[in-house]
């Protein structure tokens, strides 16, 4: 409840340059940032996919430029690099194309896809025109644009987060463009844009290949174009090719030990948690994914639900910016701090709606796999409630799916026995 109420605060009515509802990112200094808007849309989509779709449509369509620069209601820019150019977050921050695919699957609205498609194409075209060097490699104008402000990945930045960092060829950026182009090829196919389909597919192949070139044989590494050599800085965002489905067998084998060794307490920001969880799931390391997601949910929700205030922490009852094990959690009223919605519903319960199908891949952390207990959540399918109940057994879990208030659910006997991280499927009748 705290997370969803926080997210409701982020959605503002049309004003100024924003002709549609817009995502304010946080209550302290409201502004539109693509990465944060994408995450907020993902989370809102669990309750109201259509509203989340309109929110992302507005993010792209009402932006003052194709790259969706960070902006305020009056049209002023919030993120300007040291060279004077307005910047917006790149396609790897907030994984917008992962979110777009989630939202399309949950509510396949062709009219929405027709309306947003040109803006998505314009965004990617802008990145290829303005952030691609003569050799075809991509880079950021500054670390702000990457979403990882002042990250050591980009080297010394004496001018701050706006310092030029065009020299770096980031792994996650190349992987995200490959994934985005592949998703665009699928969207173009759905819309009957055959010529576009071929072009996007070719682009996806090109940047999947470039992503593969950034694998050293032991790990993925950013490359410094000034030296042509991989950098020494390691970072969880370098696992993006795993989570985005771009890593082959060699990278998967090389990175498995690192993924297994991840310490959940080191992951305090939504993007890092998301990347680690998706990488673990892609490798079939479902216990790691459950441990990370469970630790963050426990850490965040124990604090959100506190009955007393603590001067050393932000206020309970509202999602905040990130989830450290101690100290302040950034600012209160921060949309992506509600990422527990996805970790709980999408990872631990493992629920995902794809058209008229409900997929459930339950993966509770070990401490919650207690026979005799029951865990219940309610989702919405096209405005109708669907209740999922997990009942752990000694060797797995029984899953009940029920409709209510006229929502018929065909579940072939309603109870399905699954192993942990095994997927079940139900048809949600119209």
Protein backbone atom coordinates (compact mmCIF):
# COMPACT_ATOMS: atom_id res chain seq x y z
CA UNK A 1 0.00 0.00 0.00
CA UNK A 2 2.78 2.46 0.90
CA UNK A 3 4.49 1.83 -2.42
CA UNK A 4 1.36 2.25 -4.53
CA UNK A 5 0.33 5.39 -2.65
CA UNK A 6 3.81 6.81 -3.22
CA UNK A 7 3.46 6.06 -6.93
CA UNK A 8 0.07 7.77 -7.05
CA UNK A 9 1.76 10.91 -5.72
CA UNK A 10 4.19 10.80 -8.63
CA UNK A 11 1.49 11.05 -11.31
CA UNK A 12 0.64 14.71 -11.88
CA UNK A 13 -2.16 16.24 -14.00
CA UNK A 14 -1.34 17.99 -17.29
CA UNK A 15 0.38 21.34 -16.82
CA UNK A 16 2.79 23.52 -18.78
CA UNK A 17 4.54 21.59 -21.55
CA UNK A 18 3.01 18.31 -20.37
CA UNK A 19 -0.30 17.78 -22.14
CA UNK A 20 -0.89 14.39 -20.51
CA UNK A 21 -0.45 13.01 -16.99
CA UNK A 22 3.26 13.00 -16.20
CA UNK A 23 5.61 11.30 -13.79
CA UNK A 24 7.23 13.70 -11.33
CA UNK A 25 9.85 11.16 -10.15
CA UNK A 26 9.90 12.60 -6.60
CA UNK A 27 7.91 15.11 -4.57
CA UNK A 28 10.89 17.24 -3.48
CA UNK A 29 11.91 18.46 -6.95
CA UNK A 30 9.37 17.20 -9.50
CA UNK A 31 10.62 16.72 -13.05
CA UNK A 32 10.39 14.22 -15.89
CA UNK A 33 13.27 11.75 -16.16
CA UNK A 34 12.82 8.87 -18.59
CA UNK A 35 14.61 6.25 -16.49
CA UNK A 36 12.59 6.95 -13.37
CA UNK A 37 9.35 7.36 -15.34
CA UNK A 38 9.90 3.93 -16.90
CA UNK A 39 10.34 2.28 -13.51
CA UNK A 40 7.30 4.07 -12.09
CA UNK A 41 5.27 2.93 -15.11
CA UNK A 42 6.40 -0.67 -14.57
CA UNK A 43 5.20 -0.54 -10.97
CA UNK A 44 1.93 1.24 -11.72
CA UNK A 45 1.33 -1.37 -14.41
CA UNK A 46 0.75 -4.03 -11.77
CA UNK A 47 -2.35 -2.10 -10.69
CA UNK A 48 -3.42 -0.31 -13.89
CA UNK A 49 -1.53 -1.18 -17.10
CA UNK A 50 -3.57 1.25 -19.21
CA UNK A 51 -2.67 4.17 -16.93
CA UNK A 52 0.98 3.12 -17.03
CA UNK A 53 0.88 3.03 -20.83
CA UNK A 54 -0.52 6.55 -21.01
CA UNK A 55 2.13 7.74 -18.57
CA UNK A 56 4.93 6.45 -20.79
CA UNK A 57 3.24 7.76 -23.92
CA UNK A 58 3.20 11.22 -22.39
CA UNK A 59 6.82 10.90 -21.28
CA UNK A 60 7.91 10.47 -24.89
CA UNK A 61 5.25 12.48 -26.74
CA UNK A 62 5.39 15.59 -24.53
CA UNK A 63 9.18 15.70 -24.27
CA UNK A 64 10.78 18.90 -25.58
CA UNK A 65 13.23 16.88 -27.72
CA UNK A 66 13.43 13.30 -29.05
CA UNK A 67 16.00 12.21 -26.43
CA UNK A 68 13.50 13.04 -23.65
CA UNK A 69 15.78 15.50 -21.84
CA UNK A 70 15.15 15.87 -18.13
CA UNK A 71 12.70 18.75 -17.93
CA UNK A 72 10.28 20.66 -15.73
CA UNK A 73 6.72 21.82 -16.35
CA UNK A 74 7.87 25.21 -17.62
CA UNK A 75 10.08 23.61 -20.28
CA UNK A 76 13.35 24.32 -18.50
CA UNK A 77 15.99 21.60 -18.40
CA UNK A 78 17.18 19.90 -15.27
CA UNK A 79 20.17 18.03 -16.69
CA UNK A 80 22.65 19.94 -18.86
CA UNK A 81 26.12 18.58 -19.55
CA UNK A 82 29.25 20.69 -19.27
CA UNK A 83 29.23 21.22 -23.04
CA UNK A 84 25.84 22.93 -22.73
CA UNK A 85 23.67 20.18 -24.23
CA UNK A 86 20.42 19.13 -22.51
CA UNK A 87 20.55 15.44 -21.60
CA UNK A 88 18.09 12.70 -20.80
CA UNK A 89 18.81 9.27 -19.38
CA UNK A 90 19.98 6.62 -21.83
CA UNK A 91 18.09 3.52 -22.94
CA UNK A 92 19.80 1.37 -20.29
CA UNK A 93 18.56 3.42 -17.32
CA UNK A 94 15.16 2.24 -16.13
CA UNK A 95 15.18 -0.34 -18.97
CA UNK A 96 12.35 1.48 -20.81
CA UNK A 97 12.06 -1.20 -23.50
CA UNK A 98 11.72 -3.96 -20.91
CA UNK A 99 8.92 -1.92 -19.37
CA UNK A 100 7.28 -1.28 -22.74
CA UNK A 101 7.23 -5.02 -23.39
CA UNK A 102 5.76 -5.73 -19.92
CA UNK A 103 3.01 -3.19 -20.51
CA UNK A 104 2.22 -4.43 -24.01
CA UNK A 105 1.97 -8.00 -22.72
CA UNK A 106 -0.30 -6.95 -19.86
CA UNK A 107 -2.61 -4.88 -22.08
CA UNK A 108 -2.01 -5.36 -25.82
CA UNK A 109 -3.56 -2.08 -26.96
CA UNK A 110 -2.74 -1.57 -30.64
CA UNK A 111 -3.88 2.05 -30.62
CA UNK A 112 -1.42 2.85 -27.82
CA UNK A 113 1.37 1.08 -29.67
CA UNK A 114 0.59 3.02 -32.87
CA UNK A 115 0.74 6.30 -30.98
CA UNK A 116 3.93 5.66 -29.03
CA UNK A 117 5.88 3.85 -31.76
CA UNK A 118 7.04 6.97 -33.70
CA UNK A 119 8.33 8.55 -30.49
CA UNK A 120 10.23 5.40 -29.55
CA UNK A 121 11.78 5.31 -33.00
CA UNK A 122 12.68 8.99 -32.75
CA UNK A 123 14.40 8.44 -29.41
CA UNK A 124 16.59 5.61 -30.70
CA UNK A 125 17.31 7.50 -33.93
CA UNK A 126 18.48 10.45 -31.83
CA UNK A 127 20.90 8.27 -29.88
CA UNK A 128 22.33 6.82 -33.07
CA UNK A 129 22.71 10.29 -34.58
CA UNK A 130 24.18 12.05 -31.52
CA UNK A 131 25.86 9.42 -29.34
CA UNK A 132 27.49 7.11 -31.91
CA UNK A 133 31.11 7.68 -32.91
CA UNK A 134 32.66 7.26 -36.35
CA UNK A 135 33.34 3.58 -35.64
CA UNK A 136 29.75 2.88 -34.60
CA UNK A 137 30.34 2.69 -30.84
CA UNK A 138 27.98 4.41 -28.42
CA UNK A 139 28.81 6.66 -25.49
CA UNK A 140 27.29 9.10 -23.03
CA UNK A 141 27.74 12.85 -22.99
CA UNK A 142 28.23 12.73 -19.22
CA UNK A 143 27.69 10.36 -16.31
CA UNK A 144 24.37 12.07 -15.50
CA UNK A 145 23.11 10.82 -18.85
CA UNK A 146 24.05 7.27 -17.87
CA UNK A 147 21.98 7.50 -14.69
CA UNK A 148 25.07 6.59 -12.65
CA UNK A 149 26.04 10.06 -11.52
CA UNK A 150 29.80 10.38 -10.95
CA UNK A 151 30.32 6.63 -11.27
CA UNK A 152 34.01 5.59 -11.28
CA UNK A 153 33.20 3.71 -14.49
CA UNK A 154 33.72 7.02 -16.31
CA UNK A 155 37.05 7.96 -14.76
CA UNK A 156 37.94 11.35 -13.32
CA UNK A 157 35.15 13.91 -13.64
CA UNK A 158 36.54 17.23 -12.38
CA UNK A 159 33.52 19.12 -13.72
CA UNK A 160 31.11 16.88 -11.82
CA UNK A 161 28.35 14.72 -13.26
CA UNK A 162 28.21 16.89 -16.37
CA UNK A 163 31.85 16.21 -17.25
CA UNK A 164 32.25 14.89 -20.84
CA UNK A 165 32.72 11.10 -20.91
CA UNK A 166 32.34 10.35 -24.62
CA UNK A 167 35.46 8.19 -24.47
CA UNK A 168 33.77 5.31 -22.67
CA UNK A 169 31.98 2.49 -24.53
CA UNK A 170 29.57 1.24 -21.85
CA UNK A 171 28.48 -2.39 -21.84
CA UNK A 172 24.96 -1.71 -20.59
CA UNK A 173 24.32 1.01 -23.17
CA UNK A 174 25.20 -1.27 -26.08
CA UNK A 175 23.18 -4.14 -24.63
CA UNK A 176 20.17 -1.88 -24.06
CA UNK A 177 20.23 -0.57 -27.63
CA UNK A 178 20.41 -4.14 -28.96
CA UNK A 179 17.48 -5.15 -26.77
CA UNK A 180 15.48 -2.02 -27.63
CA UNK A 181 16.00 -2.57 -31.36
CA UNK A 182 14.88 -6.18 -31.02
CA UNK A 183 11.76 -5.06 -29.19
CA UNK A 184 11.09 -2.43 -31.85
CA UNK A 185 11.34 -5.12 -34.52
CA UNK A 186 8.60 -7.04 -32.73
CA UNK A 187 6.47 -3.90 -32.34
CA UNK A 188 6.95 -3.09 -36.04
CA UNK A 189 5.86 -6.62 -36.94
CA UNK A 190 2.71 -6.25 -34.83
CA UNK A 191 1.93 -2.95 -36.58
CA UNK A 192 2.61 -4.34 -40.05
CA UNK A 193 5.64 -2.12 -40.69
CA UNK A 194 7.65 -4.70 -42.61
CA UNK A 195 10.42 -2.36 -43.73
CA UNK A 196 10.92 -1.16 -40.17
CA UNK A 197 11.02 -4.74 -38.93
CA UNK A 198 14.01 -5.54 -41.12
CA UNK A 199 15.84 -2.36 -40.13
CA UNK A 200 15.33 -2.86 -36.41
CA UNK A 201 16.36 -6.50 -36.65
CA UNK A 202 19.59 -5.52 -38.38
CA UNK A 203 20.30 -2.89 -35.73
CA UNK A 204 19.62 -5.40 -32.97
CA UNK A 205 22.08 -7.80 -34.56
CA UNK A 206 24.74 -5.13 -34.92
CA UNK A 207 24.61 -4.03 -31.30
CA UNK A 208 24.29 -7.56 -29.97
CA UNK A 209 27.56 -8.18 -31.80
CA UNK A 210 29.16 -5.07 -30.32
CA UNK A 211 27.99 -6.12 -26.86
CA UNK A 212 29.65 -9.50 -27.40
CA UNK A 213 32.90 -7.71 -28.30
CA UNK A 214 32.87 -6.11 -24.84
CA UNK A 215 33.26 -9.53 -23.20
CA UNK A 216 36.89 -10.05 -22.25
CA UNK A 217 36.71 -13.80 -21.79
CA UNK A 218 36.34 -13.38 -18.04
CA UNK A 219 33.74 -10.62 -17.69
CA UNK A 220 32.01 -7.82 -19.55
CA UNK A 221 34.02 -4.60 -19.40
CA UNK A 222 33.59 -1.05 -20.61
CA UNK A 223 36.24 -0.01 -23.13
CA UNK A 224 38.15 3.27 -23.02
CA UNK A 225 38.25 4.42 -26.65
CA UNK A 226 41.36 6.51 -25.96
CA UNK A 227 43.40 3.38 -25.27
CA UNK A 228 41.26 0.71 -26.87
CA UNK A 229 41.54 -1.29 -23.66
CA UNK A 230 38.93 -2.58 -21.18
CA UNK A 231 38.65 -0.60 -17.97
CA UNK A 232 39.35 -2.19 -14.60
CA UNK A 233 36.16 -0.94 -12.94
CA UNK A 234 33.62 -3.67 -12.26
CA UNK A 235 29.96 -2.85 -11.69
CA UNK A 236 26.68 -4.73 -11.46
CA UNK A 237 25.38 -2.82 -14.50
CA UNK A 238 27.91 -4.78 -16.55
CA UNK A 239 25.59 -7.76 -16.04
CA UNK A 240 22.96 -6.08 -18.21
CA UNK A 241 23.64 -8.41 -21.19
CA UNK A 242 22.67 -11.34 -18.97
CA UNK A 243 19.39 -9.83 -17.83
CA UNK A 244 18.51 -8.62 -21.33
CA UNK A 245 19.03 -12.04 -22.88
CA UNK A 246 22.13 -11.15 -24.90
CA UNK A 247 24.80 -13.23 -23.16
CA UNK A 248 25.96 -16.44 -24.79
CA UNK A 249 27.15 -19.57 -23.04
CA UNK A 250 30.72 -18.34 -22.45
CA UNK A 251 29.75 -15.12 -20.61
CA UNK A 252 27.09 -17.03 -18.68
CA UNK A 253 29.63 -19.58 -17.49
CA UNK A 254 32.21 -16.92 -16.66
CA UNK A 255 29.81 -14.76 -14.63
CA UNK A 256 27.95 -17.48 -12.75
CA UNK A 257 30.28 -17.47 -9.74
CA UNK A 258 30.07 -13.68 -9.40
CA UNK A 259 26.28 -13.74 -9.56
CA UNK A 260 26.13 -16.51 -6.96
CA UNK A 261 28.40 -14.49 -4.68
CA UNK A 262 26.38 -11.26 -4.80
CA UNK A 263 25.68 -9.76 -1.37
CA UNK A 264 22.14 -8.32 -1.21
CA UNK A 265 23.22 -5.72 1.35
CA UNK A 266 25.52 -4.19 -1.27
CA UNK A 267 22.52 -3.53 -3.51
CA UNK A 268 20.68 -0.45 -2.31
CA UNK A 269 19.53 1.20 -5.57
CA UNK A 270 16.64 -0.03 -7.74
CA UNK A 271 18.59 -0.35 -11.00
CA UNK A 272 21.35 -2.39 -9.38
CA UNK A 273 18.85 -4.71 -7.68
CA UNK A 274 16.86 -5.13 -10.90
CA UNK A 275 19.96 -5.94 -12.93
CA UNK A 276 21.27 -8.44 -10.38
CA UNK A 277 17.91 -10.20 -10.07
CA UNK A 278 17.38 -10.45 -13.82
CA UNK A 279 20.94 -11.69 -14.33
CA UNK A 280 20.41 -14.39 -11.70
CA UNK A 281 17.12 -15.46 -13.26
CA UNK A 282 18.69 -15.59 -16.72
CA UNK A 283 21.35 -17.96 -15.37
CA UNK A 284 18.74 -20.14 -13.65
CA UNK A 285 20.13 -19.05 -10.28
CA UNK A 286 16.66 -18.65 -8.84
CA UNK A 287 17.69 -18.97 -5.20
CA UNK A 288 20.03 -16.01 -5.69
CA UNK A 289 17.22 -13.99 -7.27
CA UNK A 290 14.91 -14.88 -4.38
CA UNK A 291 17.55 -14.01 -1.78
CA UNK A 292 18.26 -10.59 -3.31
CA UNK A 293 14.60 -9.69 -3.88
CA UNK A 294 13.58 -11.01 -0.47
CA UNK A 295 16.31 -9.11 1.35
CA UNK A 296 15.41 -5.80 -0.28
CA UNK A 297 11.67 -6.26 0.29
CA UNK A 298 12.28 -7.16 3.94
CA UNK A 299 14.64 -4.22 4.41
CA UNK A 300 12.35 -1.68 2.75
CA UNK A 301 9.00 -2.84 4.10
CA UNK A 302 10.16 -3.16 7.70
CA UNK A 303 11.12 0.47 7.47
CA UNK A 304 8.03 1.64 5.55
CA UNK A 305 5.87 -0.08 8.20
CA UNK A 306 7.70 1.29 11.25
CA UNK A 307 5.40 2.68 13.93
CA UNK A 308 7.93 5.20 15.26
CA UNK A 309 10.01 7.84 13.52
CA UNK A 310 13.79 7.85 13.70
CA UNK A 311 15.69 11.11 13.30
CA UNK A 312 18.45 9.21 11.51
CA UNK A 313 16.05 7.86 8.87
CA UNK A 314 13.47 9.22 6.46
CA UNK A 315 9.80 9.10 7.42
CA UNK A 316 8.05 5.71 7.46
CA UNK A 317 4.83 5.19 5.54
CA UNK A 318 6.19 6.42 2.21
CA UNK A 319 8.74 5.00 -0.21
CA UNK A 320 12.08 6.80 -0.23
CA UNK A 321 14.97 7.03 -2.66
CA UNK A 322 16.95 3.89 -1.88
CA UNK A 323 17.42 1.21 0.77
CA UNK A 324 20.65 1.38 2.78
CA UNK A 325 21.06 -0.95 5.74
CA UNK A 326 21.61 2.07 7.99
CA UNK A 327 21.41 5.85 7.84
CA UNK A 328 19.08 7.98 5.77
CA UNK A 329 17.40 6.63 2.65
CA UNK A 330 17.65 9.75 0.51
CA UNK A 331 14.48 11.76 0.10
CA UNK A 332 10.95 10.71 1.04
CA UNK A 333 8.32 10.40 -1.65
CA UNK A 334 10.54 8.95 -4.38
CA UNK A 335 8.79 6.85 -7.00
CA UNK A 336 11.39 4.26 -7.82
CA UNK A 337 11.86 3.57 -4.12
CA UNK A 338 8.59 1.65 -4.53
CA UNK A 339 10.42 -0.99 -6.59
CA UNK A 340 9.34 -3.53 -3.98
CA UNK A 341 6.10 -3.80 -5.99
CA UNK A 342 8.02 -5.54 -8.79
CA UNK A 343 10.27 -7.53 -6.46
CA UNK A 344 7.31 -8.86 -4.49
CA UNK A 345 4.77 -9.44 -7.26
CA UNK A 346 7.01 -10.03 -10.26
CA UNK A 347 9.93 -11.90 -8.68
CA UNK A 348 8.88 -13.56 -5.40
CA UNK A 349 5.28 -14.35 -6.35
CA UNK A 350 6.48 -14.44 -9.95
CA UNK A 351 3.25 -13.18 -11.49
CA UNK A 352 3.02 -11.78 -15.00
CA UNK A 353 0.00 -11.21 -17.21
CA UNK A 354 0.46 -11.82 -20.94
CA UNK A 355 -2.75 -11.05 -22.79
CA UNK A 356 -5.36 -13.46 -21.41
CA UNK A 357 -2.76 -15.66 -19.73
CA UNK A 358 -1.58 -15.42 -16.15
CA UNK A 359 1.92 -16.79 -15.62
CA UNK A 360 3.09 -17.56 -12.08
CA UNK A 361 6.64 -18.63 -11.22
CA UNK A 362 6.71 -18.63 -7.39
CA UNK A 363 10.17 -18.13 -5.92
CA UNK A 364 9.96 -17.18 -2.26
CA UNK A 365 13.19 -16.89 -0.26
CA UNK A 366 14.09 -19.95 1.79
CA UNK A 367 12.94 -18.44 5.10
CA UNK A 368 9.37 -18.09 3.79
CA UNK A 369 9.04 -21.59 2.32
CA UNK A 370 7.29 -22.87 5.44
CA UNK A 371 4.70 -25.64 4.97
CA UNK A 372 1.36 -24.71 6.49
CA UNK A 373 1.65 -21.03 5.69
CA UNK A 374 -0.34 -19.24 2.99
CA UNK A 375 0.65 -16.07 1.14
CA UNK A 376 -1.97 -14.20 -0.85
CA UNK A 377 -1.83 -11.26 -3.27
CA UNK A 378 -4.41 -9.69 -5.53
CA UNK A 379 -3.70 -8.43 -9.03
CA UNK A 380 -5.91 -6.69 -11.57
CA UNK A 381 -6.60 -8.13 -15.01
CA UNK A 382 -8.32 -5.49 -17.15
CA UNK A 383 -9.92 -3.99 -14.08
CA UNK A 384 -11.01 -7.31 -12.56
CA UNK A 385 -9.39 -8.78 -9.45
CA UNK A 386 -7.46 -12.03 -9.60
CA UNK A 387 -6.19 -13.53 -6.35
CA UNK A 388 -3.05 -15.69 -6.19
CA UNK A 389 -2.40 -17.83 -3.11
CA UNK A 390 0.89 -19.65 -2.48
CA UNK A 391 0.90 -22.58 -0.03
CA UNK A 392 4.42 -23.95 0.52
CA UNK A 393 4.94 -27.72 0.73
CA UNK A 394 8.01 -29.68 1.75
CA UNK A 395 8.98 -30.14 -1.89
CA UNK A 396 7.44 -27.13 -3.61
CA UNK A 397 4.34 -24.97 -3.55
CA UNK A 398 0.62 -25.23 -4.30
CA UNK A 399 -0.74 -22.27 -6.24
CA UNK A 400 -4.40 -21.26 -6.16
CA UNK A 401 -5.73 -18.69 -8.62
CA UNK A 402 -9.24 -17.33 -8.15
CA UNK A 403 -11.35 -14.70 -9.80
CA UNK A 404 -13.75 -12.53 -7.87
CA UNK A 405 -16.64 -10.20 -8.55
CA UNK A 406 -17.46 -11.79 -11.89
CA UNK A 407 -13.87 -12.37 -13.05
CA UNK A 408 -13.91 -15.95 -14.33
CA UNK A 409 -10.59 -17.76 -14.23
CA UNK A 410 -10.03 -21.10 -15.93
CA UNK A 411 -7.44 -22.89 -13.78
CA UNK A 412 -8.08 -26.57 -14.51
CA UNK A 413 -9.07 -27.41 -10.97
CA UNK A 414 -7.78 -24.12 -9.55
CA UNK A 415 -4.86 -25.62 -7.59
CA UNK A 416 -1.57 -26.40 -9.33
CA UNK A 417 1.44 -27.98 -7.64
CA UNK A 418 4.76 -26.51 -8.73
CA UNK A 419 8.39 -26.69 -7.78
CA UNK A 420 9.99 -23.45 -6.67
CA UNK A 421 10.78 -21.27 -9.71
CA UNK A 422 8.67 -23.56 -11.90
CA UNK A 423 6.14 -21.71 -14.03
CA UNK A 424 2.42 -22.40 -14.10
CA UNK A 425 -0.05 -20.91 -16.55
CA UNK A 426 -3.73 -20.01 -16.28
CA UNK A 427 -6.20 -18.57 -18.76
CA UNK A 428 -8.07 -15.52 -17.54
CA UNK A 429 -11.39 -15.59 -19.37
CA UNK A 430 -12.89 -12.44 -20.80
